[in-house]
Amino acid sequence: MKSIIQQIADQNKKLENAEKEAIKAEIENPSTSNNRRNFLKKTALGGIALGGLMHLSIEDTIAQTTSSVSRSSSPSDLKITDMRYALTGVLGQTAIIRIDTNQGISGLGEVRDGADVRYALMLKSRILGLNPCNVEMIFKIIKQFGGQARQAGGVCGVEMALWDIVGKAYGVPAYQLLGGKYRNTVRLYADTPEGKSHDDQTAKIKYRIEEQGYTWLKMDLSINSLKDIPGALVNHEFWDGASGQYDLRSYMGYGNTKHPFTQIQITDKGLEEMVKMVEHTREHIGWDIPISTDHYGHFDLNNGIRLGRAIEKFRLAWMEDVVPWEYTDQWKSLSDALETPMLTGEDIYLLQNFKPLIDIHAVDIIHPDLASSGGLLETKRIGDYAEEHGIAMAMHQAGTPVSFMASVHCAAATQNFLALEHHSVDLPWWESLVKMTDGKPIIKKGFAPVPESPGLGIELNEDVLKEHLHAKDKSFFAPTDEWNEKRSHDRTWS
């Protein structure tokens, strides 16, 4: 028996030496990127094959097998020491937060697009001094300060940063902490804005498919496109549907008025025009590529059903947010009336608020945004609960590469996942805001490779980030000591 073990050891030793030589050759290759070279150096330093262990003493074996462990990382002794932020200009304003620890390990998170960074900063006093590895406990402490849509931005941003820290402390990618991965790449769907004309729309679609390599598209199908067509809409002028409809400063303006309360209706002529838009898109991309639709405008359930029936023959992947997410009964009516899959969820916070839709199968696909739904673990739970009820999960994402990569890890770890939104396809500098620590590209031909390096698998490219800070706040991870002190009793029950 011992001779067999020795033979295996000798064979593995040869394999190990061959692997070392291959790594050395790639490191010395001038075409190897710096990120890849650093990753390979760490691999060569910390890795050891079975054959390399069999001839060592127990002392040497322990020394070798622990050589890749960061000496500055003792997870049980980690403490949160600071939270700082940088406000980017992505999608109006999107803040990246950084949580620091007493051992030099930092984690990155993101406050959802358009949300106030103070949603995160007010949590700082609640988490200082805590061990960031206790993610679930900290989440339960702070989740009371989250709300629907962007009001959840602070809680979710902190949760992302905690998983980034834990992954770095233990030397594993975030998806591993969620139970492991189902896939090595995550399929993306590309948001495709409306073109100014049919030719312009065709050019945009062609660019998405042929140049960028996307295999799933989403298009706006909006009544805003009907504003200059006489007889296409009823009652739109009262709501200024032609302009300013997304003025969110006016509480009683169109953009803040829920769908059932506008009495805007689509005429037969308007429906014909919207059908032409979908037909034109389907003609130019064929039937192999899924088309999702969104941003219809604020009209009621009855008009939603009329529109859905008019475009049903084009076999859309889904109709998104036809009515506000909380109208569970209306979503059930839509799902029962239409063959096209119904989808909502980008503004829903926590699994408990997804359950009513899932329990009665009011939608066919749920659509959480990890930066609003509760972060990585809560979104994984949402996906798993939906899977139990035969419902798929797509994921909304409209932020920086920080929430994008957090979403990639969650998507990799969730079995019923379909596709992840990429909303910044046309920002040439978007990908360069971060560097992938395992040397992989952030996006490759419409798919996101799942990182294998610790945490979220990214580092900030600070020079690029500084070029794209929001004009109103150039502070760039400045001290936030004014948020250190807790000034309230937070318990929500007596």
Protein backbone atom coordinates (compact mmCIF):
# COMPACT_ATOMS: atom_id res chain seq x y z
CA MET A 1 0.00 0.00 0.00
CA LYS A 2 2.76 2.37 0.91
CA SER A 3 4.50 1.78 -2.43
CA ILE A 4 1.27 2.67 -4.25
CA ILE A 5 1.00 5.88 -2.25
CA GLN A 6 4.64 6.63 -3.06
CA GLN A 7 3.94 6.06 -6.77
CA ILE A 8 0.98 8.43 -6.61
CA ALA A 9 3.14 10.92 -4.76
CA ASP A 10 5.87 10.70 -7.41
CA GLN A 11 3.33 11.10 -10.22
CA ASN A 12 1.72 14.09 -8.56
CA LYS A 13 5.12 15.60 -7.92
CA LYS A 14 5.82 15.47 -11.65
CA LEU A 15 2.43 17.03 -12.40
CA GLU A 16 3.06 19.72 -9.82
CA ASN A 17 6.46 20.57 -11.30
CA ALA A 18 4.94 20.72 -14.79
CA GLU A 19 2.22 23.04 -13.51
CA LYS A 20 4.80 25.26 -11.83
CA GLU A 21 6.78 25.49 -15.07
CA ALA A 22 3.60 26.42 -16.99
CA ILE A 23 2.77 29.14 -14.45
CA LYS A 24 6.35 30.42 -14.57
CA ALA A 25 6.24 30.58 -18.37
CA GLU A 26 2.97 32.54 -18.32
CA ILE A 27 4.33 34.97 -15.70
CA GLU A 28 7.42 35.60 -17.83
CA ASN A 29 5.38 36.06 -21.01
CA PRO A 30 5.40 39.80 -21.90
CA SER A 31 1.79 39.60 -23.14
CA THR A 32 0.48 38.53 -19.70
CA SER A 33 -1.42 41.38 -17.99
CA ASN A 34 -0.24 42.69 -14.62
CA ASN A 35 -3.44 41.55 -12.88
CA ARG A 36 -3.08 38.06 -14.32
CA ARG A 37 0.64 37.98 -13.45
CA ASN A 38 -0.05 38.95 -9.83
CA PHE A 39 -2.79 36.33 -9.59
CA LEU A 40 -0.44 33.63 -10.92
CA LYS A 41 2.30 34.66 -8.49
CA LYS A 42 -0.10 34.28 -5.58
CA THR A 43 -1.21 30.90 -6.94
CA ALA A 44 2.38 29.71 -7.21
CA LEU A 45 3.12 30.93 -3.69
CA GLY A 46 0.08 29.47 -1.94
CA GLY A 47 -0.89 26.39 -3.94
CA ILE A 48 0.46 22.89 -3.37
CA ALA A 49 -0.59 19.59 -4.93
CA LEU A 50 -1.16 16.25 -3.20
CA GLY A 51 2.18 14.92 -4.37
CA GLY A 52 3.99 17.81 -2.76
CA LEU A 53 2.55 16.95 0.66
CA MET A 54 3.30 13.25 0.83
CA HIS A 55 7.03 13.56 1.49
CA LEU A 56 6.78 16.40 4.04
CA SER A 57 6.79 16.34 7.82
CA ILE A 58 3.62 17.47 9.61
CA GLU A 59 5.27 20.77 10.49
CA ASP A 60 6.23 21.44 6.86
CA THR A 61 2.81 20.31 5.65
CA ILE A 62 1.06 22.83 7.93
CA ALA A 63 3.48 25.55 6.86
CA GLN A 64 2.86 24.85 3.20
CA THR A 65 -0.92 24.48 3.32
CA THR A 66 -1.35 27.71 5.27
CA SER A 67 1.12 29.72 3.20
CA SER A 68 -1.68 31.40 1.21
CA VAL A 69 -3.54 32.60 4.31
CA SER A 70 -3.27 36.34 4.85
CA ARG A 71 -1.36 36.87 8.10
CA SER A 72 -3.25 40.11 8.66
CA SER A 73 -6.60 38.29 8.57
CA SER A 74 -7.87 36.71 11.75
CA PRO A 75 -11.59 36.65 10.93
CA SER A 76 -12.77 36.22 14.53
CA ASP A 77 -10.92 39.41 15.50
CA LEU A 78 -12.11 41.61 12.63
CA LYS A 79 -13.82 44.87 13.60
CA ILE A 80 -15.46 47.56 11.47
CA THR A 81 -13.59 50.84 11.93
CA ASP A 82 -14.89 53.20 9.24
CA MET A 83 -17.27 53.85 6.36
CA ARG A 84 -16.52 56.31 3.55
CA TYR A 85 -17.92 56.98 0.08
CA ALA A 86 -17.32 58.33 -3.42
CA LEU A 87 -20.26 59.72 -5.41
CA THR A 88 -20.05 58.77 -9.09
CA GLY A 89 -21.93 60.28 -12.01
CA VAL A 90 -23.27 56.88 -13.14
CA LEU A 91 -27.02 57.14 -13.93
CA GLY A 92 -27.37 60.59 -12.42
CA GLN A 93 -25.71 59.73 -9.14
CA THR A 94 -24.58 56.41 -7.70
CA ALA A 95 -22.47 56.23 -4.55
CA ILE A 96 -19.82 53.60 -3.89
CA ILE A 97 -19.19 52.97 -0.20
CA ARG A 98 -16.10 51.46 1.43
CA ILE A 99 -16.18 49.76 4.83
CA ASP A 100 -12.78 49.49 6.55
CA THR A 101 -11.61 47.13 9.29
CA ASN A 102 -8.90 46.95 11.94
CA GLN A 103 -6.91 44.46 9.83
CA GLY A 104 -6.57 46.47 6.64
CA ILE A 105 -9.30 44.57 4.78
CA SER A 106 -11.89 46.79 3.13
CA GLY A 107 -15.16 45.96 1.39
CA LEU A 108 -16.98 47.74 -1.44
CA GLY A 109 -20.71 48.30 -1.68
CA GLU A 110 -23.05 50.55 -3.63
CA VAL A 111 -26.03 52.74 -2.78
CA ARG A 112 -28.51 52.18 -5.59
CA ASP A 113 -28.64 54.59 -8.54
CA GLY A 114 -30.39 57.84 -7.69
CA ALA A 115 -30.46 57.15 -3.94
CA ASP A 116 -28.97 59.46 -1.32
CA VAL A 117 -25.67 58.22 0.12
CA ARG A 118 -26.96 59.30 3.53
CA TYR A 119 -29.11 56.16 3.50
CA ALA A 120 -25.81 54.35 4.08
CA LEU A 121 -23.98 56.89 6.21
CA MET A 122 -26.68 56.90 8.88
CA LEU A 123 -25.96 53.19 9.40
CA LYS A 124 -22.31 53.78 10.21
CA SER A 125 -22.88 54.36 13.93
CA ARG A 126 -24.90 51.11 14.10
CA ILE A 127 -22.10 48.92 12.73
CA LEU A 128 -18.85 50.44 14.06
CA GLY A 129 -16.97 47.96 16.22
CA LEU A 130 -18.92 44.94 14.99
CA ASN A 131 -17.33 41.91 13.33
CA PRO A 132 -18.16 42.19 9.59
CA CYS A 133 -18.15 38.39 9.28
CA ASN A 134 -21.44 38.28 11.16
CA VAL A 135 -23.29 39.41 8.04
CA GLU A 136 -26.72 38.06 8.90
CA MET A 137 -26.70 39.52 12.40
CA ILE A 138 -25.65 42.94 11.14
CA PHE A 139 -28.28 42.77 8.40
CA LYS A 140 -30.96 42.14 11.02
CA ILE A 141 -29.71 45.15 13.00
CA ILE A 142 -29.90 47.55 10.05
CA LYS A 143 -32.69 46.19 7.85
CA GLN A 144 -35.29 48.24 9.76
CA PHE A 145 -33.74 51.33 8.15
CA GLY A 146 -34.41 50.11 4.62
CA GLY A 147 -37.57 50.62 2.61
CA GLN A 148 -38.88 49.97 -0.86
CA ALA A 149 -36.86 50.90 -3.96
CA ARG A 150 -34.02 53.38 -3.33
CA GLN A 151 -34.83 53.68 0.36
CA ALA A 152 -33.15 50.27 0.70
CA GLY A 153 -29.94 51.57 -0.88
CA GLY A 154 -28.01 52.03 2.35
CA VAL A 155 -28.83 48.65 3.88
CA CYS A 156 -28.06 46.81 0.63
CA GLY A 157 -24.83 48.72 0.06
CA VAL A 158 -23.57 47.79 3.53
CA GLU A 159 -24.53 44.14 3.00
CA MET A 160 -22.56 44.01 -0.28
CA ALA A 161 -19.48 45.47 1.39
CA LEU A 162 -19.69 42.95 4.25
CA TRP A 163 -19.64 39.97 1.89
CA ASP A 164 -16.67 41.54 0.09
CA ILE A 165 -14.81 41.71 3.42
CA VAL A 166 -15.75 38.17 4.46
CA GLY A 167 -14.63 36.74 1.13
CA LYS A 168 -11.29 38.51 1.41
CA ALA A 169 -10.84 37.42 5.03
CA TYR A 170 -11.41 33.76 4.20
CA GLY A 171 -9.86 33.86 0.73
CA VAL A 172 -12.94 32.73 -1.20
CA PRO A 173 -15.22 34.37 -3.81
CA ALA A 174 -18.56 35.71 -2.57
CA TYR A 175 -20.60 33.10 -4.45
CA GLN A 176 -18.91 30.37 -2.38
CA LEU A 177 -20.28 31.96 0.79
CA LEU A 178 -23.80 31.69 -0.67
CA GLY A 179 -23.47 27.93 -1.15
CA GLY A 180 -21.44 27.65 -4.35
CA LYS A 181 -22.15 28.29 -8.00
CA TYR A 182 -24.39 26.78 -10.66
CA ARG A 183 -22.65 28.47 -13.59
CA ASN A 184 -19.27 29.88 -14.62
CA THR A 185 -20.70 32.73 -16.69
CA VAL A 186 -23.75 34.90 -16.15
CA ARG A 187 -25.95 35.76 -19.13
CA LEU A 188 -26.67 39.47 -19.54
CA TYR A 189 -29.53 41.30 -21.18
CA ALA A 190 -28.73 44.66 -22.67
CA ASP A 191 -30.98 47.63 -22.15
CA THR A 192 -31.56 49.18 -25.60
CA PRO A 193 -33.02 52.70 -25.65
CA GLU A 194 -35.57 53.78 -28.21
CA GLY A 195 -34.11 55.03 -31.47
CA LYS A 196 -35.07 58.37 -33.01
CA SER A 197 -36.29 56.50 -36.07
CA HIS A 198 -36.68 52.93 -37.34
CA ASP A 199 -33.26 53.15 -38.99
CA ASP A 200 -31.69 54.47 -35.79
CA GLN A 201 -33.32 51.69 -33.77
CA THR A 202 -32.08 49.10 -36.27
CA ALA A 203 -28.54 50.44 -35.95
CA LYS A 204 -28.66 50.23 -32.16
CA ILE A 205 -29.94 46.65 -32.25
CA LYS A 206 -27.33 45.59 -34.81
CA TYR A 207 -24.58 47.09 -32.66
CA ARG A 208 -25.84 45.23 -29.57
CA ILE A 209 -25.90 41.85 -31.31
CA GLU A 210 -23.08 41.91 -33.86
CA GLU A 211 -20.51 44.14 -32.17
CA GLN A 212 -21.20 43.65 -28.46
CA GLY A 213 -22.36 40.04 -28.63
CA TYR A 214 -25.53 40.26 -26.54
CA THR A 215 -27.97 37.38 -26.82
CA TRP A 216 -30.89 39.02 -24.97
CA LEU A 217 -32.27 42.53 -25.45
CA LYS A 218 -34.72 44.76 -23.62
CA MET A 219 -36.51 47.64 -25.33
CA ASP A 220 -38.65 50.51 -24.11
CA LEU A 221 -42.22 50.40 -25.40
CA SER A 222 -43.47 53.73 -24.19
CA ILE A 223 -46.57 55.86 -24.73
CA ASN A 224 -44.08 58.73 -24.73
CA SER A 225 -43.33 57.68 -28.33
CA LEU A 226 -46.97 58.47 -29.18
CA LYS A 227 -46.95 62.03 -27.88
CA ASP A 228 -46.72 63.65 -31.33
CA ILE A 229 -49.23 61.36 -33.05
CA PRO A 230 -52.74 62.87 -33.09
CA GLY A 231 -55.40 60.51 -31.80
CA ALA A 232 -52.98 58.01 -30.26
CA LEU A 233 -53.73 58.75 -26.61
CA VAL A 234 -56.66 59.93 -24.52
CA ASN A 235 -56.07 62.54 -21.79
CA HIS A 236 -52.29 62.81 -22.16
CA GLU A 237 -52.19 66.59 -22.46
CA PHE A 238 -53.56 67.05 -18.96
CA TRP A 239 -50.61 65.10 -17.64
CA ASP A 240 -48.11 66.79 -19.94
CA GLY A 241 -47.29 63.40 -21.39
CA ALA A 242 -45.32 65.04 -24.18
CA SER A 243 -42.69 66.54 -21.89
CA GLY A 244 -41.73 66.64 -18.26
CA GLN A 245 -43.56 63.44 -17.43
CA TYR A 246 -40.69 62.24 -15.28
CA ASP A 247 -40.46 65.40 -13.19
CA LEU A 248 -40.10 63.72 -9.82
CA ARG A 249 -39.98 66.97 -7.86
CA SER A 250 -43.70 67.54 -8.30
CA TYR A 251 -45.45 65.08 -6.01
CA MET A 252 -48.70 65.31 -7.97
CA GLY A 253 -46.93 65.27 -11.34
CA TYR A 254 -47.22 62.44 -13.83
CA GLY A 255 -44.00 60.75 -12.74
CA ASN A 256 -45.27 60.41 -9.17
CA THR A 257 -48.84 59.41 -10.02
CA LYS A 258 -49.53 55.68 -9.93
CA HIS A 259 -50.83 54.01 -13.05
CA PRO A 260 -54.52 53.60 -12.12
CA PHE A 261 -54.93 57.29 -11.30
CA THR A 262 -54.08 59.05 -14.58
CA GLN A 263 -56.93 57.89 -16.85
CA ILE A 264 -54.56 57.98 -19.79
CA GLN A 265 -55.77 55.49 -22.38
CA ILE A 266 -54.23 54.12 -25.56
CA THR A 267 -56.44 54.36 -28.63
CA ASP A 268 -56.58 51.74 -31.38
CA LYS A 269 -54.37 54.02 -33.43
CA GLY A 270 -51.87 54.20 -30.57
CA LEU A 271 -51.85 50.45 -30.20
CA GLU A 272 -51.13 50.05 -33.91
CA GLU A 273 -48.06 52.30 -33.56
CA MET A 274 -46.76 50.37 -30.54
CA VAL A 275 -47.28 47.07 -32.34
CA LYS A 276 -45.20 48.42 -35.26
CA MET A 277 -42.34 49.17 -32.86
CA VAL A 278 -42.22 45.60 -31.57
CA GLU A 279 -42.73 44.13 -35.04
CA HIS A 280 -39.85 46.19 -36.41
CA THR A 281 -37.53 44.98 -33.65
CA ARG A 282 -38.53 41.34 -34.06
CA GLU A 283 -38.03 41.52 -37.83
CA HIS A 284 -34.48 42.74 -37.41
CA ILE A 285 -33.27 40.34 -34.72
CA GLY A 286 -35.21 37.22 -35.67
CA TRP A 287 -36.71 34.71 -33.27
CA ASP A 288 -33.62 33.30 -31.57
CA ILE A 289 -32.98 36.31 -29.33
CA PRO A 290 -35.37 37.03 -26.43
CA ILE A 291 -36.90 40.52 -26.34
CA SER A 292 -38.07 42.00 -23.05
CA THR A 293 -40.10 45.23 -22.80
CA ASP A 294 -40.34 47.98 -20.20
CA HIS A 295 -41.25 51.64 -19.52
CA TYR A 296 -44.74 51.68 -21.01
CA GLY A 297 -46.04 54.70 -19.13
CA HIS A 298 -48.61 55.27 -16.42
CA PHE A 299 -51.87 53.77 -17.62
CA ASP A 300 -54.19 51.30 -15.92
CA LEU A 301 -54.65 47.54 -15.83
CA ASN A 302 -57.23 47.52 -18.66
CA ASN A 303 -54.88 49.29 -21.05
CA GLY A 304 -52.09 46.97 -19.96
CA ILE A 305 -54.16 43.96 -20.99
CA ARG A 306 -55.09 45.58 -24.32
CA LEU A 307 -51.44 46.30 -25.07
CA GLY A 308 -50.37 42.84 -23.95
CA ARG A 309 -52.85 41.13 -26.26
CA ALA A 310 -51.84 43.34 -29.19
CA ILE A 311 -48.16 42.33 -28.96
CA GLU A 312 -48.63 38.73 -27.80
CA LYS A 313 -47.80 37.23 -31.20
CA PHE A 314 -44.21 38.48 -30.96
CA ARG A 315 -43.48 36.12 -28.04
CA LEU A 316 -41.83 38.64 -25.75
CA ALA A 317 -39.66 37.34 -22.93
CA TRP A 318 -41.66 39.45 -20.51
CA MET A 319 -43.66 42.61 -19.89
CA GLU A 320 -42.10 44.52 -17.02
CA ASP A 321 -43.75 46.72 -14.38
CA VAL A 322 -47.03 47.18 -16.24
CA VAL A 323 -48.59 48.32 -12.93
CA PRO A 324 -46.97 49.12 -9.55
CA TRP A 325 -45.52 46.04 -7.87
CA GLU A 326 -47.70 46.19 -4.75
CA TYR A 327 -50.97 45.65 -6.67
CA THR A 328 -50.84 41.88 -6.27
CA ASP A 329 -54.41 41.27 -7.44
CA GLN A 330 -53.85 43.32 -10.60
CA TRP A 331 -50.70 41.35 -11.37
CA LYS A 332 -52.70 38.15 -10.98
CA SER A 333 -55.29 39.53 -13.43
CA LEU A 334 -52.54 40.37 -15.94
CA SER A 335 -50.96 36.93 -15.64
CA ASP A 336 -54.30 35.19 -16.07
CA ALA A 337 -55.27 37.33 -19.08
CA LEU A 338 -52.00 37.17 -21.05
CA GLU A 339 -49.70 34.47 -22.37
CA THR A 340 -46.65 36.78 -22.29
CA PRO A 341 -44.73 36.30 -19.00
CA MET A 342 -45.37 39.02 -16.40
CA LEU A 343 -42.44 40.39 -14.41
CA THR A 344 -41.89 42.87 -11.56
CA GLY A 345 -39.65 43.34 -8.55
CA GLU A 346 -36.88 45.90 -9.06
CA ASP A 347 -38.34 48.12 -6.32
CA ILE A 348 -39.27 45.41 -3.80
CA TYR A 349 -37.38 45.22 -0.50
CA LEU A 350 -37.02 41.86 1.30
CA LEU A 351 -38.37 38.38 0.66
CA GLN A 352 -41.45 39.03 2.80
CA ASN A 353 -42.66 41.56 0.21
CA PHE A 354 -42.04 39.20 -2.72
CA LYS A 355 -44.02 36.39 -1.10
CA PRO A 356 -47.55 37.69 -1.88
CA LEU A 357 -46.73 37.80 -5.61
CA ILE A 358 -45.00 34.42 -5.56
CA ASP A 359 -47.52 32.58 -3.37
CA ILE A 360 -50.43 33.08 -5.80
CA HIS A 361 -48.25 33.01 -8.94
CA ALA A 362 -49.23 36.59 -9.77
CA VAL A 363 -46.07 36.90 -11.88
CA ASP A 364 -44.14 34.42 -14.00
CA ILE A 365 -40.70 35.90 -13.31
CA ILE A 366 -39.44 37.89 -10.34
CA HIS A 367 -37.00 40.73 -10.98
CA PRO A 368 -35.14 41.85 -7.86
CA ASP A 369 -32.47 44.52 -7.92
CA LEU A 370 -29.86 43.36 -5.44
CA ALA A 371 -29.26 47.00 -4.46
CA SER A 372 -32.90 47.25 -3.33
CA SER A 373 -34.01 43.72 -2.48
CA GLY A 374 -31.72 43.24 0.51
CA GLY A 375 -28.28 42.40 -0.84
CA LEU A 376 -26.70 39.11 -1.87
CA LEU A 377 -28.06 36.68 0.72
CA GLU A 378 -31.62 38.05 0.78
CA THR A 379 -31.77 38.01 -3.03
CA LYS A 380 -30.50 34.42 -3.06
CA ARG A 381 -33.32 33.57 -0.64
CA ILE A 382 -35.84 35.35 -2.87
CA GLY A 383 -34.67 33.33 -5.85
CA ASP A 384 -34.81 30.06 -3.92
CA TYR A 385 -38.33 30.77 -2.66
CA ALA A 386 -39.49 31.56 -6.19
CA GLU A 387 -37.88 28.37 -7.48
CA GLU A 388 -39.92 26.32 -5.01
CA HIS A 389 -43.05 27.83 -6.59
CA GLY A 390 -41.98 27.26 -10.21
CA ILE A 391 -41.10 30.90 -10.85
CA ALA A 392 -37.89 32.04 -12.54
CA MET A 393 -35.66 34.97 -11.55
CA ALA A 394 -34.12 37.66 -13.72
CA MET A 395 -32.17 40.47 -12.06
CA HIS A 396 -32.37 44.23 -12.52
CA GLN A 397 -29.12 46.19 -12.30
CA ALA A 398 -28.51 49.84 -13.11
CA GLY A 399 -25.42 50.98 -11.24
CA THR A 400 -21.64 50.82 -11.15
CA PRO A 401 -19.53 47.67 -11.57
CA VAL A 402 -19.70 47.21 -7.78
CA SER A 403 -23.39 46.24 -7.65
CA PHE A 404 -22.96 44.56 -11.03
CA MET A 405 -20.35 42.16 -9.67
CA ALA A 406 -22.33 41.59 -6.47
CA SER A 407 -25.23 40.61 -8.75
CA VAL A 408 -22.98 38.29 -10.78
CA HIS A 409 -22.04 36.36 -7.63
CA CYS A 410 -25.67 36.09 -6.55
CA ALA A 411 -26.78 35.02 -10.03
CA ALA A 412 -24.08 32.37 -10.15
CA ALA A 413 -25.35 30.92 -6.86
CA THR A 414 -29.07 30.85 -7.76
CA GLN A 415 -30.39 27.97 -9.86
CA ASN A 416 -33.54 29.52 -11.39
CA PHE A 417 -31.68 32.58 -12.69
CA LEU A 418 -32.32 33.72 -16.28
CA ALA A 419 -30.42 36.92 -17.10
CA LEU A 420 -28.92 40.02 -15.48
CA GLU A 421 -29.52 43.54 -16.77
CA HIS A 422 -26.62 45.69 -17.93
CA HIS A 423 -27.84 49.27 -18.06
CA SER A 424 -24.58 51.06 -18.91
CA VAL A 425 -23.71 49.27 -22.13
CA ASP A 426 -22.96 52.52 -23.94
CA LEU A 427 -20.74 54.15 -21.28
CA PRO A 428 -17.22 53.57 -22.67
CA TRP A 429 -15.52 54.14 -19.28
CA TRP A 430 -17.94 52.11 -17.15
CA GLU A 431 -15.96 48.85 -17.08
CA SER A 432 -12.70 50.65 -16.31
CA LEU A 433 -14.06 51.97 -12.99
CA VAL A 434 -12.80 48.69 -11.48
CA LYS A 435 -10.08 46.12 -12.03
CA MET A 436 -10.87 42.40 -11.87
CA THR A 437 -8.46 40.83 -9.39
CA ASP A 438 -8.39 37.46 -11.16
CA GLY A 439 -7.49 38.99 -14.53
CA LYS A 440 -10.75 38.02 -16.25
CA PRO A 441 -12.73 40.58 -18.26
CA ILE A 442 -15.78 42.01 -16.53
CA ILE A 443 -17.91 41.29 -19.62
CA LYS A 444 -17.18 39.03 -22.57
CA LYS A 445 -19.58 38.96 -25.53
CA GLY A 446 -22.78 39.41 -23.58
CA PHE A 447 -21.77 37.26 -20.60
CA ALA A 448 -20.06 38.05 -17.29
CA PRO A 449 -17.39 35.54 -16.25
CA VAL A 450 -17.84 34.64 -12.57
CA PRO A 451 -14.77 35.82 -10.57
CA GLU A 452 -12.67 33.25 -8.75
CA SER A 453 -10.76 35.71 -6.58
CA PRO A 454 -11.78 36.58 -2.99
CA GLY A 455 -14.82 38.70 -2.14
CA LEU A 456 -16.51 40.46 -5.03
CA GLY A 457 -13.33 40.02 -7.07
CA ILE A 458 -12.78 43.70 -7.86
CA GLU A 459 -10.59 46.64 -6.92
CA LEU A 460 -11.39 50.26 -7.68
CA ASN A 461 -9.45 51.95 -10.45
CA GLU A 462 -9.11 55.16 -8.49
CA ASP A 463 -7.70 57.29 -11.31
CA VAL A 464 -10.69 56.52 -13.55
CA LEU A 465 -13.15 56.86 -10.68
CA LYS A 466 -11.84 60.33 -9.86
CA GLU A 467 -12.50 61.39 -13.44
CA HIS A 468 -16.17 60.42 -13.10
CA LEU A 469 -17.17 61.78 -9.72
CA HIS A 470 -20.43 63.69 -9.49
CA ALA A 471 -20.02 67.44 -9.97
CA LYS A 472 -21.75 68.24 -6.67
CA ASP A 473 -19.49 66.06 -4.50
CA LYS A 474 -15.79 65.49 -5.22
CA SER A 475 -14.90 64.39 -1.67
CA PHE A 476 -13.66 60.90 -2.71
CA PHE A 477 -13.60 58.71 0.40
CA ALA A 478 -13.10 61.64 2.74
CA PRO A 479 -13.54 61.09 6.51
CA THR A 480 -17.16 60.77 7.69
CA ASP A 481 -16.64 61.21 11.43
CA GLU A 482 -19.87 63.19 11.79
CA TRP A 483 -21.72 59.87 11.30
CA ASN A 484 -19.84 57.99 14.05
CA GLU A 485 -22.25 58.74 16.90
CA LYS A 486 -25.47 56.85 17.39
CA ARG A 487 -28.24 59.20 18.55
CA SER A 488 -31.38 57.12 18.78
CA HIS A 489 -32.93 54.04 20.30
CA ASP A 490 -33.72 51.91 17.27
CA ARG A 491 -35.79 48.96 18.49
CA THR A 492 -39.06 48.70 16.61
CA TRP A 493 -41.01 46.71 19.23
CA SER A 494 -41.84 47.01 22.94
